[in-house]
Amino acid sequence: MRAGLQARLGQDAEVFAVGSAGTRGLVGLPIEPLAAEVLTGQGITTEGFRARRLEPGLLADVDLVLGASREHRSAAVAMAPRVLRRAFTLREFARIVSGWDSGDVWPAEPQRRARAVVDRAAGGRMQARAADPVDDDIADPMGRDAVAFAQAGAVIGEAVTAVLDALIGREFPTPATGVPVTASERVGR
């Protein structure tokens, strides 16, 4: 998510705080080597990553909580019930926002747009339910082979792209000019 924001917004991505924590994370450990391999293959650096455990303080001022599974989403809500409306699984949020009309009008300022998108997703959650709730979960590759990690990485990458398309937009102003460009044009700069 952080890499996608950076690619789309450049220095302006710094207005977004992105973090991760596990519900059963082994605090202080580096990223799982097979996960690092998948991310490195996508051009994302994992240097300096250290696992941390989800705790209520991490949920204090968040605008959006995205869990890999319904279990993770539920754990976050149990720790901080005030995030209920803003807590989704990654795939659930991606599914909800992917069904929207690309001609919708959103605030131009990235933070305001992102908050408006989260609010609309929360309000439309019941109308965009998965046919099977398990479809909202990402299969946990831990303890499995490189293929499982690659499959999870592909599912996550697809969902993150849909989330970023909604939160930031497929077209967005460049920081220097304010002229809209597409995501592919932005990445090439």
Foldseek 3Di string as FASTA:
>chain_A
DLVLLCLQAPPLSVVDDDDDAAQPKPFFDFDDVLLQVLCVVVVHHRPPDTHHHDALVVVPDDLAAEAQAPVRLVVNCVRPVVCVLRGAHLQLLLQQQVPDDLPDDADQRLVRQLSVSSNVCSVCSVVRADPDRRSSHQDDCPPHDSVSSNVSSVVNVVSVVSSCCRRNNQWHAHPPPRDTDGSVVSNVD
